[in-house]
């Protein structure tokens, strides 16, 4: 069985990304609550929407700025970022 990987991701707006996985599952993940409650400047800087939209899929996961921001695949798969 293949490990779960992000197959595609599309920015919808207002810090939400529609994430499709290699098993056909799809989730709309809202990152805004996580970003808004973070007090750490390395995370809260992604409230700058143009910076947030610059994610890439690397090794089957969403990745911002060369691993500056990354989330566990399980959390993305569940659709909940905490």
Protein backbone atom coordinates (compact mmCIF):
# COMPACT_ATOMS: atom_id res chain seq x y z
CA UNK A 1 0.00 0.00 0.00
CA UNK A 2 1.31 3.42 -0.94
CA UNK A 3 1.70 6.07 1.74
CA UNK A 4 -0.77 8.96 1.60
CA UNK A 5 0.63 11.89 -0.34
CA UNK A 6 -0.67 15.23 -1.55
CA UNK A 7 -1.42 14.84 -5.26
CA UNK A 8 -2.57 18.40 -5.90
CA UNK A 9 -3.47 21.55 -4.00
CA UNK A 10 -5.38 24.64 -5.09
CA UNK A 11 -5.60 27.88 -3.19
CA UNK A 12 -9.31 28.74 -2.84
CA UNK A 13 -9.01 32.03 -0.96
CA UNK A 14 -9.00 33.34 2.61
CA UNK A 15 -6.19 30.92 3.60
CA UNK A 16 -8.10 27.81 2.49
CA UNK A 17 -6.51 25.19 0.25
CA UNK A 18 -8.33 22.32 -1.46
CA UNK A 19 -5.98 19.38 -1.04
CA UNK A 20 -6.33 16.21 -3.14
CA UNK A 21 -4.56 13.03 -2.07
CA UNK A 22 -3.20 10.11 -4.05
CA UNK A 23 -6.03 7.87 -2.77
CA UNK A 24 -8.70 10.15 -4.28
CA UNK A 25 -9.68 11.77 -0.97
CA UNK A 26 -10.06 15.55 -0.99
CA UNK A 27 -10.22 18.07 1.86
CA UNK A 28 -10.74 21.80 2.09
CA UNK A 29 -8.23 22.84 4.73
CA UNK A 30 -8.66 26.21 6.47
CA UNK A 31 -5.28 27.45 7.69
CA UNK A 32 -6.53 30.85 8.87
CA UNK A 33 -7.34 29.94 12.52
CA UNK A 34 -3.91 28.34 12.96
CA UNK A 35 -2.09 31.30 11.43
CA UNK A 36 -4.19 33.91 13.25
CA UNK A 37 -3.62 32.41 16.71
CA UNK A 38 0.13 31.91 16.28
CA UNK A 39 2.29 34.38 18.14
CA UNK A 40 5.47 33.18 16.48
CA UNK A 41 6.61 35.61 13.75
CA UNK A 42 7.94 32.75 11.58
CA UNK A 43 4.36 31.45 11.36
CA UNK A 44 2.27 34.62 11.61
CA UNK A 45 4.17 36.12 8.65
CA UNK A 46 2.11 33.76 6.48
CA UNK A 47 -0.94 35.92 7.21
CA UNK A 48 0.54 37.92 4.33
CA UNK A 49 -1.66 36.31 1.70
CA UNK A 50 0.84 36.63 -1.16
CA UNK A 51 3.42 34.76 0.93
CA UNK A 52 0.89 32.09 1.97
CA UNK A 53 -0.11 31.41 -1.63
CA UNK A 54 3.46 30.48 -2.57
CA UNK A 55 3.29 26.88 -1.33
CA UNK A 56 4.63 23.99 -3.38
CA UNK A 57 4.10 20.26 -3.27
CA UNK A 58 7.43 18.66 -2.37
CA UNK A 59 7.76 14.94 -1.62
CA UNK A 60 3.98 14.60 -1.38
CA UNK A 61 3.46 17.36 1.16
CA UNK A 62 2.60 21.06 1.19
CA UNK A 63 5.73 23.09 1.73
CA UNK A 64 6.28 26.82 2.12
CA UNK A 65 9.65 28.45 1.48
CA UNK A 66 11.91 25.37 1.62
CA UNK A 67 10.36 23.79 4.75
CA UNK A 68 9.84 27.09 6.56
CA UNK A 69 6.24 25.97 7.11
CA UNK A 70 5.01 22.38 6.73
CA UNK A 71 2.23 20.30 8.29
CA UNK A 72 1.87 16.58 9.04
CA UNK A 73 0.17 14.72 6.18
CA UNK A 74 -2.24 13.19 8.71
CA UNK A 75 -3.49 16.65 9.73
CA UNK A 76 -4.00 17.67 6.12
CA UNK A 77 -5.77 14.38 5.43
CA UNK A 78 -8.11 14.98 8.38
CA UNK A 79 -8.62 18.57 7.23
CA UNK A 80 -7.75 20.03 10.63
CA UNK A 81 -4.71 22.20 11.33
CA UNK A 82 -4.04 22.95 14.98
